[in-house]
Amino acid sequence: MEAVGEALKGSAALRAKVIEKCINNERQWNPDSQEGLATIVTTADSRNKRLICERLYNGIASGRLTAKDIRSFNDETLTPNAIRVLRGK
């Protein structure tokens, strides 16, 4: 996780590429998970995917998100820290 964070932190181009890939990954955007995340992020629907992906990968790059936080996305039981990062706090 630290290596991924360092790579994302050191390269804005890599971070932009990963964020675009996240936005366009339709398998991860099922309606239920997208709706749930949208209630946490609280922005207009047109920006939810971008904002969620930006906050997720910027959180990894900054070290604010831990491996446990990332696993909580897969489990769909977000940690309090993951929720704070998604809210932009």
C-alpha atoms as a PDB file:
ATOM      1  CA  MET A   1       0.000   0.000   0.000  1.00  0.00           C
ATOM      2  CA  GLU A   2       2.834   2.381   0.828  1.00  0.00           C
ATOM      3  CA  ALA A   3       4.453   1.756  -2.558  1.00  0.00           C
ATOM      4  CA  VAL A   4       1.201   2.503  -4.382  1.00  0.00           C
ATOM      5  CA  GLY A   5       0.772   5.667  -2.336  1.00  0.00           C
ATOM      6  CA  GLU A   6       4.298   6.819  -3.138  1.00  0.00           C
ATOM      7  CA  ALA A   7       3.812   6.133  -6.853  1.00  0.00           C
ATOM      8  CA  LEU A   8       0.562   8.095  -6.909  1.00  0.00           C
ATOM      9  CA  LYS A   9       2.056  10.877  -4.822  1.00  0.00           C
ATOM     10  CA  GLY A  10       5.074  11.217  -7.111  1.00  0.00           C
ATOM     11  CA  SER A  11       3.243  11.265 -10.431  1.00  0.00           C
ATOM     12  CA  ALA A  12       0.256  13.484 -11.155  1.00  0.00           C
ATOM     13  CA  ALA A  13      -0.020  11.832 -14.590  1.00  0.00           C
ATOM     14  CA  LEU A  14      -0.255   8.361 -13.050  1.00  0.00           C
ATOM     15  CA  ARG A  15      -2.835   9.579 -10.535  1.00  0.00           C
ATOM     16  CA  ALA A  16      -4.926  11.136 -13.341  1.00  0.00           C
ATOM     17  CA  LYS A  17      -4.749   7.904 -15.348  1.00  0.00           C
ATOM     18  CA  VAL A  18      -5.804   5.770 -12.371  1.00  0.00           C
ATOM     19  CA  ILE A  19      -8.678   8.140 -11.562  1.00  0.00           C
ATOM     20  CA  GLU A  20      -9.961   7.962 -15.154  1.00  0.00           C
ATOM     21  CA  LYS A  21      -9.745   4.174 -15.057  1.00  0.00           C
ATOM     22  CA  CYS A  22     -11.690   4.163 -11.787  1.00  0.00           C
ATOM     23  CA  ILE A  23     -14.416   6.380 -13.264  1.00  0.00           C
ATOM     24  CA  ASN A  24     -14.794   4.175 -16.335  1.00  0.00           C
ATOM     25  CA  ASN A  25     -14.754   0.811 -14.497  1.00  0.00           C
ATOM     26  CA  GLU A  26     -18.423  -0.099 -14.846  1.00  0.00           C
ATOM     27  CA  ARG A  27     -18.108  -3.312 -12.801  1.00  0.00           C
ATOM     28  CA  GLN A  28     -17.451  -1.367  -9.615  1.00  0.00           C
ATOM     29  CA  TRP A  29     -20.309   1.089 -10.157  1.00  0.00           C
ATOM     30  CA  ASN A  30     -23.399  -0.987  -9.443  1.00  0.00           C
ATOM     31  CA  PRO A  31     -26.433   1.193  -8.663  1.00  0.00           C
ATOM     32  CA  ASP A  32     -26.527   0.300  -4.958  1.00  0.00           C
ATOM     33  CA  SER A  33     -22.882   1.076  -4.236  1.00  0.00           C
ATOM     34  CA  GLN A  34     -22.977   4.237  -6.324  1.00  0.00           C
ATOM     35  CA  GLU A  35     -26.078   5.467  -4.507  1.00  0.00           C
ATOM     36  CA  GLY A  36     -24.556   4.678  -1.111  1.00  0.00           C
ATOM     37  CA  LEU A  37     -21.310   6.467  -1.906  1.00  0.00           C
ATOM     38  CA  ALA A  38     -23.215   9.409  -3.368  1.00  0.00           C
ATOM     39  CA  THR A  39     -24.982   9.951  -0.044  1.00  0.00           C
ATOM     40  CA  ILE A  40     -21.594  10.149   1.659  1.00  0.00           C
ATOM     41  CA  VAL A  41     -20.011  12.484  -0.897  1.00  0.00           C
ATOM     42  CA  THR A  42     -23.136  14.640  -1.295  1.00  0.00           C
ATOM     43  CA  THR A  43     -22.601  16.264  -4.675  1.00  0.00           C
ATOM     44  CA  ALA A  44     -24.545  16.464  -7.921  1.00  0.00           C
ATOM     45  CA  ASP A  45     -24.919  13.062  -9.605  1.00  0.00           C
ATOM     46  CA  SER A  46     -22.903  14.090 -12.652  1.00  0.00           C
ATOM     47  CA  ARG A  47     -19.764  14.487 -10.543  1.00  0.00           C
ATOM     48  CA  ASN A  48     -20.099  11.621  -8.071  1.00  0.00           C
ATOM     49  CA  LYS A  49     -17.898   9.087  -9.835  1.00  0.00           C
ATOM     50  CA  ARG A  50     -15.138  11.605 -10.494  1.00  0.00           C
ATOM     51  CA  LEU A  51     -15.225  13.050  -6.996  1.00  0.00           C
ATOM     52  CA  ILE A  52     -15.317   9.628  -5.332  1.00  0.00           C
ATOM     53  CA  CYS A  53     -12.377   8.383  -7.416  1.00  0.00           C
ATOM     54  CA  GLU A  54     -10.378  11.585  -6.879  1.00  0.00           C
ATOM     55  CA  ARG A  55     -10.869  11.505  -3.132  1.00  0.00           C
ATOM     56  CA  LEU A  56     -10.092   7.792  -2.989  1.00  0.00           C
ATOM     57  CA  TYR A  57      -6.819   7.979  -4.910  1.00  0.00           C
ATOM     58  CA  ASN A  58      -5.764  11.303  -3.413  1.00  0.00           C
ATOM     59  CA  GLY A  59      -6.356   9.710  -0.009  1.00  0.00           C
ATOM     60  CA  ILE A  60      -4.079   6.820  -0.952  1.00  0.00           C
ATOM     61  CA  ALA A  61      -1.422   9.188  -2.314  1.00  0.00           C
ATOM     62  CA  SER A  62      -1.469  11.335   0.814  1.00  0.00           C
ATOM     63  CA  GLY A  63      -1.374   8.341   3.151  1.00  0.00           C
ATOM     64  CA  ARG A  64      -4.706   9.294   4.709  1.00  0.00           C
ATOM     65  CA  LEU A  65      -6.277   5.994   3.620  1.00  0.00           C
ATOM     66  CA  THR A  66      -4.857   2.796   5.082  1.00  0.00           C
ATOM     67  CA  ALA A  67      -5.056  -0.748   3.722  1.00  0.00           C
ATOM     68  CA  LYS A  68      -7.876  -1.381   6.207  1.00  0.00           C
ATOM     69  CA  ASP A  69      -9.778   1.614   4.807  1.00  0.00           C
ATOM     70  CA  ILE A  70      -9.368   0.332   1.245  1.00  0.00           C
ATOM     71  CA  ARG A  71     -10.561  -3.150   2.215  1.00  0.00           C
ATOM     72  CA  SER A  72     -13.645  -1.546   3.759  1.00  0.00           C
ATOM     73  CA  PHE A  73     -14.684  -0.355   0.276  1.00  0.00           C
ATOM     74  CA  ASN A  74     -14.703  -3.964  -0.934  1.00  0.00           C
ATOM     75  CA  ASP A  75     -16.623  -5.131   2.144  1.00  0.00           C
ATOM     76  CA  GLU A  76     -19.082  -2.236   1.719  1.00  0.00           C
ATOM     77  CA  THR A  77     -18.652  -1.416   5.406  1.00  0.00           C
ATOM     78  CA  LEU A  78     -16.651   1.789   5.240  1.00  0.00           C
ATOM     79  CA  THR A  79     -14.409   2.711   8.117  1.00  0.00           C
ATOM     80  CA  PRO A  80     -14.996   6.077   9.784  1.00  0.00           C
ATOM     81  CA  ASN A  81     -11.701   7.270   8.303  1.00  0.00           C
ATOM     82  CA  ALA A  82     -12.742   6.236   4.766  1.00  0.00           C
ATOM     83  CA  ILE A  83     -15.985   8.171   5.201  1.00  0.00           C
ATOM     84  CA  ARG A  84     -14.082  11.275   6.355  1.00  0.00           C
ATOM     85  CA  VAL A  85     -11.807  11.105   3.295  1.00  0.00           C
ATOM     86  CA  LEU A  86     -14.769  10.643   0.928  1.00  0.00           C
ATOM     87  CA  ARG A  87     -16.440  13.664   2.491  1.00  0.00           C
ATOM     88  CA  GLY A  88     -13.313  15.673   1.826  1.00  0.00           C
ATOM     89  CA  LYS A  89     -12.570  16.328   5.476  1.00  0.00           C
END
